[in-house]
């Protein structure tokens, strides 16, 4: 889970840096924006991890049901 959350956070931070580069603003301007981007993308990573875990459980249940019907 930690790798997913950190991966999404780093992606959010990279997106923020890309946004500032397109606007030709200094990368060190408004560091609160960096924290918000990293936290929001980290939150998305957290929910994505749990969504993936739940999907894996549902797939395993379906496979078990199919195997029992054979």
PDB file of N, CA and C in Angstrom:
ATOM      1  N   UNK A   1       0.829  -1.176   0.000  1.00  0.00           N
ATOM      2  CA  UNK A   1       0.000   0.000   0.000  1.00  0.00           C
ATOM      3  C   UNK A   1       0.882   1.252   0.000  1.00  0.00           C
ATOM      4  N   UNK A   2       1.944   1.219   0.753  1.00  0.00           N
ATOM      5  CA  UNK A   2       2.806   2.395   0.854  1.00  0.00           C
ATOM      6  C   UNK A   2       3.390   2.773  -0.506  1.00  0.00           C
ATOM      7  N   UNK A   3       3.779   1.764  -1.277  1.00  0.00           N
ATOM      8  CA  UNK A   3       4.362   2.073  -2.587  1.00  0.00           C
ATOM      9  C   UNK A   3       3.332   2.697  -3.523  1.00  0.00           C
ATOM     10  N   UNK A   4       2.081   2.257  -3.438  1.00  0.00           N
ATOM     11  CA  UNK A   4       1.036   2.841  -4.279  1.00  0.00           C
ATOM     12  C   UNK A   4       0.780   4.289  -3.891  1.00  0.00           C
ATOM     13  N   UNK A   5       0.659   4.545  -2.598  1.00  0.00           N
ATOM     14  CA  UNK A   5       0.395   5.909  -2.129  1.00  0.00           C
ATOM     15  C   UNK A   5       1.570   6.824  -2.470  1.00  0.00           C
ATOM     16  N   UNK A   6       2.784   6.352  -2.219  1.00  0.00           N
ATOM     17  CA  UNK A   6       3.955   7.179  -2.536  1.00  0.00           C
ATOM     18  C   UNK A   6       4.102   7.394  -4.038  1.00  0.00           C
ATOM     19  N   UNK A   7       3.809   6.366  -4.817  1.00  0.00           N
ATOM     20  CA  UNK A   7       3.886   6.502  -6.269  1.00  0.00           C
ATOM     21  C   UNK A   7       2.916   7.542  -6.794  1.00  0.00           C
ATOM     22  N   UNK A   8       1.687   7.504  -6.294  1.00  0.00           N
ATOM     23  CA  UNK A   8       0.706   8.500  -6.710  1.00  0.00           C
ATOM     24  C   UNK A   8       1.108   9.888  -6.219  1.00  0.00           C
ATOM     25  N   UNK A   9       1.676   9.974  -5.020  1.00  0.00           N
ATOM     26  CA  UNK A   9       2.112  11.272  -4.495  1.00  0.00           C
ATOM     27  C   UNK A   9       3.224  11.869  -5.351  1.00  0.00           C
ATOM     28  N   UNK A  10       4.169  11.040  -5.733  1.00  0.00           N
ATOM     29  CA  UNK A  10       5.267  11.518  -6.583  1.00  0.00           C
ATOM     30  C   UNK A  10       4.724  11.956  -7.943  1.00  0.00           C
ATOM     31  N   UNK A  11       3.758  11.205  -8.465  1.00  0.00           N
ATOM     32  CA  UNK A  11       3.144  11.605  -9.732  1.00  0.00           C
ATOM     33  C   UNK A  11       2.448  12.956  -9.593  1.00  0.00           C
ATOM     34  N   UNK A  12       1.745  13.167  -8.491  1.00  0.00           N
ATOM     35  CA  UNK A  12       1.083  14.447  -8.256  1.00  0.00           C
ATOM     36  C   UNK A  12       2.075  15.587  -8.145  1.00  0.00           C
ATOM     37  N   UNK A  13       3.180  15.314  -7.479  1.00  0.00           N
ATOM     38  CA  UNK A  13       4.227  16.329  -7.358  1.00  0.00           C
ATOM     39  C   UNK A  13       4.836  16.642  -8.727  1.00  0.00           C
ATOM     40  N   UNK A  14       5.053  15.607  -9.526  1.00  0.00           N
ATOM     41  CA  UNK A  14       5.586  15.822 -10.873  1.00  0.00           C
ATOM     42  C   UNK A  14       4.594  16.608 -11.732  1.00  0.00           C
ATOM     43  N   UNK A  15       3.311  16.319 -11.566  1.00  0.00           N
ATOM     44  CA  UNK A  15       2.291  17.074 -12.306  1.00  0.00           C
ATOM     45  C   UNK A  15       2.312  18.537 -11.894  1.00  0.00           C
ATOM     46  N   UNK A  16       2.496  18.783 -10.606  1.00  0.00           N
ATOM     47  CA  UNK A  16       2.568  20.165 -10.113  1.00  0.00           C
ATOM     48  C   UNK A  16       3.784  20.885 -10.694  1.00  0.00           C
ATOM     49  N   UNK A  17       4.939  20.201 -10.707  1.00  0.00           N
ATOM     50  CA  UNK A  17       6.134  20.804 -11.289  1.00  0.00           C
ATOM     51  C   UNK A  17       5.941  21.061 -12.782  1.00  0.00           C
ATOM     52  N   UNK A  18       5.279  20.130 -13.467  1.00  0.00           N
ATOM     53  CA  UNK A  18       4.995  20.332 -14.889  1.00  0.00           C
ATOM     54  C   UNK A  18       4.089  21.524 -15.118  1.00  0.00           C
ATOM     55  N   UNK A  19       3.102  21.664 -14.251  1.00  0.00           N
ATOM     56  CA  UNK A  19       2.186  22.804 -14.347  1.00  0.00           C
ATOM     57  C   UNK A  19       2.951  24.120 -14.196  1.00  0.00           C
ATOM     58  N   UNK A  20       3.822  24.182 -13.201  1.00  0.00           N
ATOM     59  CA  UNK A  20       4.594  25.410 -12.983  1.00  0.00           C
ATOM     60  C   UNK A  20       5.570  25.667 -14.127  1.00  0.00           C
ATOM     61  N   UNK A  21       6.124  24.597 -14.703  1.00  0.00           N
ATOM     62  CA  UNK A  21       7.051  24.768 -15.820  1.00  0.00           C
ATOM     63  C   UNK A  21       6.329  25.322 -17.042  1.00  0.00           C
ATOM     64  N   UNK A  22       5.110  24.839 -17.285  1.00  0.00           N
ATOM     65  CA  UNK A  22       4.338  25.357 -18.419  1.00  0.00           C
ATOM     66  C   UNK A  22       4.028  26.838 -18.222  1.00  0.00           C
ATOM     67  N   UNK A  23       3.731  27.208 -16.985  1.00  0.00           N
ATOM     68  CA  UNK A  23       3.421  28.605 -16.682  1.00  0.00           C
ATOM     69  C   UNK A  23       4.677  29.460 -16.558  1.00  0.00           C
ATOM     70  N   UNK A  24       5.845  28.830 -16.633  1.00  0.00           N
ATOM     71  CA  UNK A  24       7.145  29.483 -16.498  1.00  0.00           C
ATOM     72  C   UNK A  24       7.258  30.238 -15.176  1.00  0.00           C
ATOM     73  N   UNK A  25       6.791  29.583 -14.119  1.00  0.00           N
ATOM     74  CA  UNK A  25       6.924  30.131 -12.768  1.00  0.00           C
ATOM     75  C   UNK A  25       8.023  29.364 -12.048  1.00  0.00           C
ATOM     76  N   UNK A  26       8.641  29.948 -11.039  1.00  0.00           N
ATOM     77  CA  UNK A  26       9.675  29.227 -10.291  1.00  0.00           C
ATOM     78  C   UNK A  26       9.077  28.011  -9.580  1.00  0.00           C
ATOM     79  N   UNK A  27       9.832  26.915  -9.580  1.00  0.00           N
ATOM     80  CA  UNK A  27       9.335  25.681  -8.976  1.00  0.00           C
ATOM     81  C   UNK A  27       9.184  25.789  -7.466  1.00  0.00           C
ATOM     82  N   UNK A  28       9.886  26.723  -6.869  1.00  0.00           N
ATOM     83  CA  UNK A  28       9.810  26.864  -5.415  1.00  0.00           C
ATOM     84  C   UNK A  28       8.707  27.821  -4.970  1.00  0.00           C
ATOM     85  N   UNK A  29       7.916  28.317  -5.904  1.00  0.00           N
ATOM     86  CA  UNK A  29       6.851  29.242  -5.508  1.00  0.00           C
ATOM     87  C   UNK A  29       5.673  28.464  -4.941  1.00  0.00           C
ATOM     88  N   UNK A  30       5.108  28.971  -3.854  1.00  0.00           N
ATOM     89  CA  UNK A  30       3.933  28.404  -3.200  1.00  0.00           C
ATOM     90  C   UNK A  30       4.106  26.917  -2.867  1.00  0.00           C
ATOM     91  N   UNK A  31       4.948  26.587  -1.893  1.00  0.00           N
ATOM     92  CA  UNK A  31       5.164  25.182  -1.541  1.00  0.00           C
ATOM     93  C   UNK A  31       3.920  24.494  -0.980  1.00  0.00           C
ATOM     94  N   UNK A  32       2.945  25.271  -0.527  1.00  0.00           N
ATOM     95  CA  UNK A  32       1.703  24.666  -0.044  1.00  0.00           C
ATOM     96  C   UNK A  32       0.995  23.961  -1.198  1.00  0.00           C
ATOM     97  N   UNK A  33       1.105  24.508  -2.381  1.00  0.00           N
ATOM     98  CA  UNK A  33       0.519  23.871  -3.561  1.00  0.00           C
ATOM     99  C   UNK A  33       1.135  22.510  -3.836  1.00  0.00           C
ATOM    100  N   UNK A  34       2.449  22.381  -3.585  1.00  0.00           N
ATOM    101  CA  UNK A  34       3.117  21.087  -3.752  1.00  0.00           C
ATOM    102  C   UNK A  34       2.554  20.079  -2.756  1.00  0.00           C
ATOM    103  N   UNK A  35       2.375  20.513  -1.522  1.00  0.00           N
ATOM    104  CA  UNK A  35       1.843  19.614  -0.491  1.00  0.00           C
ATOM    105  C   UNK A  35       0.413  19.194  -0.813  1.00  0.00           C
ATOM    106  N   UNK A  36      -0.379  20.131  -1.305  1.00  0.00           N
ATOM    107  CA  UNK A  36      -1.767  19.807  -1.659  1.00  0.00           C
ATOM    108  C   UNK A  36      -1.802  18.812  -2.815  1.00  0.00           C
ATOM    109  N   UNK A  37      -0.969  19.019  -3.825  1.00  0.00           N
ATOM    110  CA  UNK A  37      -0.934  18.107  -4.971  1.00  0.00           C
ATOM    111  C   UNK A  37      -0.494  16.715  -4.532  1.00  0.00           C
ATOM    112  N   UNK A  38       0.563  16.637  -3.714  1.00  0.00           N
ATOM    113  CA  UNK A  38       1.049  15.335  -3.258  1.00  0.00           C
ATOM    114  C   UNK A  38       0.014  14.644  -2.378  1.00  0.00           C
ATOM    115  N   UNK A  39      -0.629  15.390  -1.496  1.00  0.00           N
ATOM    116  CA  UNK A  39      -1.624  14.788  -0.602  1.00  0.00           C
ATOM    117  C   UNK A  39      -2.856  14.323  -1.366  1.00  0.00           C
ATOM    118  N   UNK A  40      -3.308  15.114  -2.316  1.00  0.00           N
ATOM    119  CA  UNK A  40      -4.513  14.717  -3.051  1.00  0.00           C
ATOM    120  C   UNK A  40      -4.244  13.501  -3.929  1.00  0.00           C
ATOM    121  N   UNK A  41      -3.110  13.469  -4.601  1.00  0.00           N
ATOM    122  CA  UNK A  41      -2.796  12.296  -5.409  1.00  0.00           C
ATOM    123  C   UNK A  41      -2.484  11.090  -4.523  1.00  0.00           C
ATOM    124  N   UNK A  42      -1.887  11.301  -3.359  1.00  0.00           N
ATOM    125  CA  UNK A  42      -1.672  10.203  -2.417  1.00  0.00           C
ATOM    126  C   UNK A  42      -2.981   9.615  -1.934  1.00  0.00           C
ATOM    127  N   UNK A  43      -3.975  10.466  -1.713  1.00  0.00           N
ATOM    128  CA  UNK A  43      -5.301   9.990  -1.322  1.00  0.00           C
ATOM    129  C   UNK A  43      -5.918   9.158  -2.437  1.00  0.00           C
ATOM    130  N   UNK A  44      -5.766   9.610  -3.670  1.00  0.00           N
ATOM    131  CA  UNK A  44      -6.248   8.814  -4.803  1.00  0.00           C
ATOM    132  C   UNK A  44      -5.547   7.458  -4.854  1.00  0.00           C
ATOM    133  N   UNK A  45      -4.257   7.437  -4.575  1.00  0.00           N
ATOM    134  CA  UNK A  45      -3.513   6.184  -4.543  1.00  0.00           C
ATOM    135  C   UNK A  45      -4.002   5.248  -3.458  1.00  0.00           C
ATOM    136  N   UNK A  46      -4.357   5.796  -2.309  1.00  0.00           N
ATOM    137  CA  UNK A  46      -4.890   4.997  -1.204  1.00  0.00           C
ATOM    138  C   UNK A  46      -6.202   4.319  -1.610  1.00  0.00           C
ATOM    139  N   UNK A  47      -7.101   5.102  -2.204  1.00  0.00           N
ATOM    140  CA  UNK A  47      -8.384   4.536  -2.618  1.00  0.00           C
ATOM    141  C   UNK A  47      -8.216   3.551  -3.770  1.00  0.00           C
ATOM    142  N   UNK A  48      -7.277   3.822  -4.670  1.00  0.00           N
ATOM    143  CA  UNK A  48      -7.028   2.903  -5.773  1.00  0.00           C
ATOM    144  C   UNK A  48      -6.508   1.572  -5.252  1.00  0.00           C
ATOM    145  N   UNK A  49      -5.651   1.601  -4.248  1.00  0.00           N
ATOM    146  CA  UNK A  49      -5.125   0.369  -3.668  1.00  0.00           C
ATOM    147  C   UNK A  49      -6.257  -0.481  -3.100  1.00  0.00           C
ATOM    148  N   UNK A  50      -7.138   0.138  -2.332  1.00  0.00           N
ATOM    149  CA  UNK A  50      -8.234  -0.621  -1.730  1.00  0.00           C
ATOM    150  C   UNK A  50      -9.234  -1.096  -2.787  1.00  0.00           C
ATOM    151  N   UNK A  51      -9.425  -0.310  -3.827  1.00  0.00           N
ATOM    152  CA  UNK A  51     -10.299  -0.717  -4.917  1.00  0.00           C
ATOM    153  C   UNK A  51      -9.721  -1.955  -5.614  1.00  0.00           C
ATOM    154  N   UNK A  52      -8.417  -1.957  -5.835  1.00  0.00           N
ATOM    155  CA  UNK A  52      -7.758  -3.086  -6.475  1.00  0.00           C
ATOM    156  C   UNK A  52      -7.841  -4.336  -5.605  1.00  0.00           C
ATOM    157  N   UNK A  53      -7.668  -4.176  -4.299  1.00  0.00           N
ATOM    158  CA  UNK A  53      -7.779  -5.318  -3.392  1.00  0.00           C
ATOM    159  C   UNK A  53      -9.182  -5.907  -3.438  1.00  0.00           C
ATOM    160  N   UNK A  54     -10.182  -5.057  -3.430  1.00  0.00           N
ATOM    161  CA  UNK A  54     -11.570  -5.529  -3.480  1.00  0.00           C
ATOM    162  C   UNK A  54     -11.863  -6.210  -4.812  1.00  0.00           C
ATOM    163  N   UNK A  55     -11.350  -5.673  -5.898  1.00  0.00           N
ATOM    164  CA  UNK A  55     -11.545  -6.287  -7.212  1.00  0.00           C
ATOM    165  C   UNK A  55     -10.897  -7.665  -7.263  1.00  0.00           C
ATOM    166  N   UNK A  56      -9.712  -7.810  -6.672  1.00  0.00           N
ATOM    167  CA  UNK A  56      -9.053  -9.115  -6.624  1.00  0.00           C
ATOM    168  C   UNK A  56      -9.878 -10.125  -5.838  1.00  0.00           C
ATOM    169  N   UNK A  57     -10.482  -9.687  -4.737  1.00  0.00           N
ATOM    170  CA  UNK A  57     -11.340 -10.574  -3.950  1.00  0.00           C
ATOM    171  C   UNK A  57     -12.555 -11.016  -4.759  1.00  0.00           C
ATOM    172  N   UNK A  58     -13.174 -10.089  -5.464  1.00  0.00           N
ATOM    173  CA  UNK A  58     -14.349 -10.425  -6.269  1.00  0.00           C
ATOM    174  C   UNK A  58     -13.998 -11.373  -7.410  1.00  0.00           C
ATOM    175  N   UNK A  59     -12.859 -11.172  -8.032  1.00  0.00           N
ATOM    176  CA  UNK A  59     -12.424 -12.066  -9.103  1.00  0.00           C
ATOM    177  C   UNK A  59     -12.158 -13.457  -8.557  1.00  0.00           C
ATOM    178  N   UNK A  60     -11.534 -13.543  -7.389  1.00  0.00           N
ATOM    179  CA  UNK A  60     -11.281 -14.850  -6.783  1.00  0.00           C
ATOM    180  C   UNK A  60     -12.593 -15.562  -6.456  1.00  0.00           C
ATOM    181  N   UNK A  61     -13.586 -14.830  -5.956  1.00  0.00           N
ATOM    182  CA  UNK A  61     -14.888 -15.436  -5.666  1.00  0.00           C
ATOM    183  C   UNK A  61     -15.556 -15.933  -6.944  1.00  0.00           C
ATOM    184  N   UNK A  62     -15.496 -15.158  -8.001  1.00  0.00           N
ATOM    185  CA  UNK A  62     -16.093 -15.570  -9.272  1.00  0.00           C
ATOM    186  C   UNK A  62     -15.395 -16.802  -9.829  1.00  0.00           C
ATOM    187  N   UNK A  63     -14.076 -16.849  -9.732  1.00  0.00           N
ATOM    188  CA  UNK A  63     -13.340 -18.025 -10.206  1.00  0.00           C
ATOM    189  C   UNK A  63     -13.730 -19.259  -9.412  1.00  0.00           C
ATOM    190  N   UNK A  64     -13.909 -19.090  -8.117  1.00  0.00           N
ATOM    191  CA  UNK A  64     -14.322 -20.204  -7.268  1.00  0.00           C
ATOM    192  C   UNK A  64     -15.719 -20.681  -7.649  1.00  0.00           C
ATOM    193  N   UNK A  65     -16.629 -19.747  -7.905  1.00  0.00           N
ATOM    194  CA  UNK A  65     -17.984 -20.110  -8.324  1.00  0.00           C
ATOM    195  C   UNK A  65     -17.970 -20.858  -9.654  1.00  0.00           C
ATOM    196  N   UNK A  66     -17.165 -20.392 -10.592  1.00  0.00           N
ATOM    197  CA  UNK A  66     -17.074 -21.047 -11.898  1.00  0.00           C
ATOM    198  C   UNK A  66     -16.482 -22.439 -11.751  1.00  0.00           C
ATOM    199  N   UNK A  67     -15.464 -22.580 -10.904  1.00  0.00           N
ATOM    200  CA  UNK A  67     -14.842 -23.890 -10.695  1.00  0.00           C
ATOM    201  C   UNK A  67     -15.820 -24.865 -10.056  1.00  0.00           C
ATOM    202  N   UNK A  68     -16.680 -24.395  -9.179  1.00  0.00           N
ATOM    203  CA  UNK A  68     -17.656 -25.272  -8.534  1.00  0.00           C
ATOM    204  C   UNK A  68     -18.747 -25.704  -9.503  1.00  0.00           C
ATOM    205  N   UNK A  69     -19.073 -24.885 -10.477  1.00  0.00           N
ATOM    206  CA  UNK A  69     -20.111 -25.220 -11.448  1.00  0.00           C
ATOM    207  C   UNK A  69     -19.639 -26.248 -12.464  1.00  0.00           C
ATOM    208  N   UNK A  70     -18.359 -26.421 -12.616  1.00  0.00           N
ATOM    209  CA  UNK A  70     -17.824 -27.374 -13.602  1.00  0.00           C
ATOM    210  C   UNK A  70     -17.909 -28.773 -13.122  1.00  0.00           C
TER     211      UNK A  70
END
